[in-house]
N, C-alpha and C. Protein backbone atom coordinates (compact mmCIF):
# COMPACT_ATOMS: atom_id res chain seq x y z
N MET A 1 -91.57 -24.25 -36.13
CA MET A 1 -92.72 -25.08 -36.52
C MET A 1 -93.94 -24.64 -35.79
N ASN A 2 -94.96 -24.40 -36.50
CA ASN A 2 -96.23 -24.07 -35.83
C ASN A 2 -97.05 -25.35 -35.51
N SER A 3 -98.13 -25.17 -34.81
CA SER A 3 -98.85 -26.32 -34.34
C SER A 3 -99.51 -27.09 -35.52
N GLN A 4 -99.86 -26.42 -36.60
CA GLN A 4 -100.47 -27.12 -37.71
C GLN A 4 -99.47 -28.09 -38.43
N SER A 5 -98.28 -27.68 -38.57
CA SER A 5 -97.27 -28.53 -39.19
C SER A 5 -96.93 -29.69 -38.30
N VAL A 6 -96.90 -29.52 -37.02
CA VAL A 6 -96.67 -30.63 -36.03
C VAL A 6 -97.80 -31.59 -36.05
N ALA A 7 -99.01 -31.10 -36.19
CA ALA A 7 -100.18 -31.99 -36.18
C ALA A 7 -100.25 -32.77 -37.52
N GLY A 8 -99.79 -32.10 -38.57
CA GLY A 8 -99.85 -32.81 -39.85
C GLY A 8 -98.79 -33.94 -39.87
N LEU A 9 -97.58 -33.62 -39.23
CA LEU A 9 -96.58 -34.57 -39.16
C LEU A 9 -96.95 -35.83 -38.28
N LEU A 10 -97.49 -35.55 -37.13
CA LEU A 10 -98.00 -36.64 -36.25
C LEU A 10 -99.16 -37.41 -36.87
N GLY A 11 -99.99 -36.71 -37.64
CA GLY A 11 -101.07 -37.41 -38.34
C GLY A 11 -100.54 -38.36 -39.33
N ALA A 12 -99.51 -37.95 -40.11
CA ALA A 12 -98.93 -38.82 -41.13
C ALA A 12 -98.26 -40.02 -40.52
N ILE A 13 -97.62 -39.83 -39.37
CA ILE A 13 -96.97 -40.97 -38.69
C ILE A 13 -97.93 -41.93 -38.15
N VAL A 14 -99.04 -41.45 -37.49
CA VAL A 14 -100.15 -42.34 -37.06
C VAL A 14 -100.78 -43.03 -38.21
N ALA A 15 -101.04 -42.36 -39.33
CA ALA A 15 -101.73 -43.01 -40.42
C ALA A 15 -100.80 -44.14 -41.04
N SER A 16 -99.48 -43.86 -41.13
CA SER A 16 -98.60 -44.85 -41.65
C SER A 16 -98.48 -46.05 -40.71
N ILE A 17 -98.49 -45.89 -39.44
CA ILE A 17 -98.49 -46.98 -38.48
C ILE A 17 -99.81 -47.81 -38.58
N VAL A 18 -100.88 -47.09 -38.74
CA VAL A 18 -102.19 -47.82 -38.83
C VAL A 18 -102.18 -48.66 -40.11
N MET A 19 -101.64 -48.13 -41.21
CA MET A 19 -101.64 -48.86 -42.51
C MET A 19 -100.75 -50.13 -42.37
N VAL A 20 -99.60 -49.92 -41.77
CA VAL A 20 -98.69 -51.15 -41.62
C VAL A 20 -99.37 -52.19 -40.76
N VAL A 21 -100.01 -51.82 -39.72
CA VAL A 21 -100.62 -52.81 -38.80
C VAL A 21 -101.80 -53.50 -39.62
N ALA A 22 -102.57 -52.67 -40.31
CA ALA A 22 -103.72 -53.25 -41.08
C ALA A 22 -103.25 -54.28 -42.13
N ILE A 23 -102.21 -53.95 -42.79
CA ILE A 23 -101.65 -54.88 -43.77
C ILE A 23 -101.00 -56.13 -43.11
N ALA A 24 -100.36 -55.88 -41.98
CA ALA A 24 -99.73 -57.05 -41.26
C ALA A 24 -100.77 -58.02 -40.72
N TYR A 25 -101.80 -57.57 -40.12
CA TYR A 25 -102.77 -58.37 -39.46
C TYR A 25 -104.05 -58.76 -40.24
N GLY A 26 -104.32 -58.06 -41.32
CA GLY A 26 -105.44 -58.37 -42.12
C GLY A 26 -105.31 -58.03 -43.57
N PRO A 27 -104.79 -59.05 -44.32
CA PRO A 27 -104.63 -58.84 -45.80
C PRO A 27 -105.96 -58.44 -46.40
N ILE A 28 -105.83 -57.62 -47.39
CA ILE A 28 -107.10 -57.12 -48.07
C ILE A 28 -107.51 -58.10 -49.16
N GLY A 29 -108.76 -58.56 -49.18
CA GLY A 29 -109.22 -59.45 -50.23
C GLY A 29 -108.57 -60.76 -50.18
N GLN A 30 -108.24 -61.32 -51.41
CA GLN A 30 -107.64 -62.63 -51.53
C GLN A 30 -106.14 -62.57 -51.33
N PHE A 31 -105.60 -61.47 -51.17
CA PHE A 31 -104.18 -61.32 -50.96
C PHE A 31 -103.69 -62.01 -49.73
N GLY A 32 -102.77 -62.99 -49.87
CA GLY A 32 -102.29 -63.74 -48.71
C GLY A 32 -103.12 -64.88 -48.24
N LYS A 33 -104.26 -65.12 -48.92
CA LYS A 33 -105.08 -66.28 -48.48
C LYS A 33 -104.97 -67.33 -49.48
N PRO A 34 -104.98 -68.59 -49.06
CA PRO A 34 -104.78 -69.63 -50.05
C PRO A 34 -106.05 -69.80 -50.85
N ALA A 35 -105.95 -70.21 -52.12
CA ALA A 35 -107.10 -70.39 -53.04
C ALA A 35 -107.82 -71.61 -52.62
N LYS A 36 -109.14 -71.55 -52.68
CA LYS A 36 -109.92 -72.72 -52.33
C LYS A 36 -109.93 -73.64 -53.54
N PRO A 37 -109.57 -74.96 -53.37
CA PRO A 37 -109.60 -75.86 -54.53
C PRO A 37 -111.07 -76.21 -54.97
N ALA A 38 -111.29 -76.21 -56.29
CA ALA A 38 -112.64 -76.56 -56.76
C ALA A 38 -112.80 -78.07 -56.66
N SER A 39 -113.82 -78.41 -56.00
CA SER A 39 -114.13 -79.92 -55.80
C SER A 39 -115.22 -80.30 -56.87
N ILE A 40 -114.82 -81.17 -57.76
CA ILE A 40 -115.69 -81.67 -58.79
C ILE A 40 -116.04 -83.21 -58.43
N GLN A 41 -117.29 -83.40 -58.18
CA GLN A 41 -117.72 -84.79 -57.83
C GLN A 41 -118.13 -85.51 -59.16
N GLN A 42 -117.61 -86.72 -59.30
CA GLN A 42 -117.96 -87.60 -60.41
C GLN A 42 -119.15 -88.40 -60.07
N PRO A 43 -120.17 -88.54 -60.87
CA PRO A 43 -121.28 -89.40 -60.51
C PRO A 43 -120.84 -90.86 -60.56
N ALA A 44 -121.58 -91.63 -59.75
CA ALA A 44 -121.20 -93.08 -59.69
C ALA A 44 -121.57 -93.69 -61.07
N PRO A 45 -120.78 -94.67 -61.54
CA PRO A 45 -121.10 -95.26 -62.82
C PRO A 45 -122.39 -96.08 -62.72
N GLY A 46 -123.19 -96.01 -63.82
CA GLY A 46 -124.46 -96.75 -63.88
C GLY A 46 -125.61 -95.92 -63.36
N LEU A 47 -125.35 -94.87 -62.67
CA LEU A 47 -126.52 -94.02 -62.17
C LEU A 47 -126.73 -92.81 -63.12
N GLN A 48 -128.10 -92.64 -63.42
CA GLN A 48 -128.34 -91.46 -64.33
C GLN A 48 -128.67 -90.34 -63.45
N PRO A 49 -128.34 -89.08 -63.79
CA PRO A 49 -128.74 -87.96 -62.98
C PRO A 49 -130.26 -87.72 -63.00
N VAL A 50 -130.71 -87.28 -61.91
CA VAL A 50 -132.14 -87.06 -61.79
C VAL A 50 -132.42 -85.72 -62.48
N PRO A 51 -133.46 -85.61 -63.39
CA PRO A 51 -133.77 -84.34 -63.97
C PRO A 51 -134.31 -83.36 -62.97
N ALA A 52 -133.94 -82.12 -63.17
CA ALA A 52 -134.35 -81.02 -62.29
C ALA A 52 -135.93 -80.80 -62.41
N ALA A 53 -136.51 -80.43 -61.28
CA ALA A 53 -137.86 -80.16 -61.28
C ALA A 53 -138.12 -78.86 -62.08
N PRO A 54 -139.30 -78.76 -62.72
CA PRO A 54 -139.51 -77.52 -63.44
C PRO A 54 -139.67 -76.29 -62.46
N ALA A 55 -139.34 -75.12 -62.99
CA ALA A 55 -139.38 -74.01 -62.18
C ALA A 55 -140.84 -73.63 -61.80
N PRO A 56 -141.08 -73.20 -60.58
CA PRO A 56 -142.46 -72.82 -60.27
C PRO A 56 -143.00 -71.68 -61.07
N ARG A 57 -144.22 -71.70 -61.50
CA ARG A 57 -144.75 -70.69 -62.30
C ARG A 57 -145.32 -69.54 -61.39
N GLY A 58 -145.26 -68.33 -61.87
CA GLY A 58 -145.77 -67.25 -61.14
C GLY A 58 -147.35 -67.15 -61.18
N PRO A 59 -147.87 -66.18 -60.50
CA PRO A 59 -149.33 -66.01 -60.52
C PRO A 59 -149.83 -65.62 -61.82
N VAL A 60 -151.07 -66.10 -62.14
CA VAL A 60 -151.67 -65.79 -63.38
C VAL A 60 -152.46 -64.46 -63.19
N ILE A 61 -152.26 -63.42 -63.97
CA ILE A 61 -152.94 -62.19 -63.86
C ILE A 61 -153.79 -62.07 -65.00
N ARG A 62 -155.13 -61.94 -64.73
CA ARG A 62 -156.14 -61.78 -65.74
C ARG A 62 -156.80 -60.42 -65.63
N GLU A 63 -157.23 -59.93 -66.76
CA GLU A 63 -157.98 -58.67 -66.78
C GLU A 63 -159.37 -58.86 -66.29
N VAL A 64 -159.79 -58.06 -65.40
CA VAL A 64 -161.13 -58.14 -64.82
C VAL A 64 -161.99 -56.97 -65.40
N PRO A 65 -163.12 -57.22 -66.01
CA PRO A 65 -163.93 -56.07 -66.52
C PRO A 65 -164.48 -55.28 -65.44
N ASN A 66 -164.62 -53.94 -65.70
CA ASN A 66 -165.11 -53.03 -64.64
C ASN A 66 -166.58 -53.20 -64.40
């Protein structure tokens, strides 16, 4: 075995160990994490919802004669 094949073998062993540790200690994305329950709040009876304020308007751009 030459040094390149030994280095490749050791690199593969180290990479596989790193992958196993990464999966064991830090699941990727939502894998292994509990789903967050959606909380829906019911309005109190007899109360009407307050209408939302209108969206702010942008600046008015007018053409200025030269």
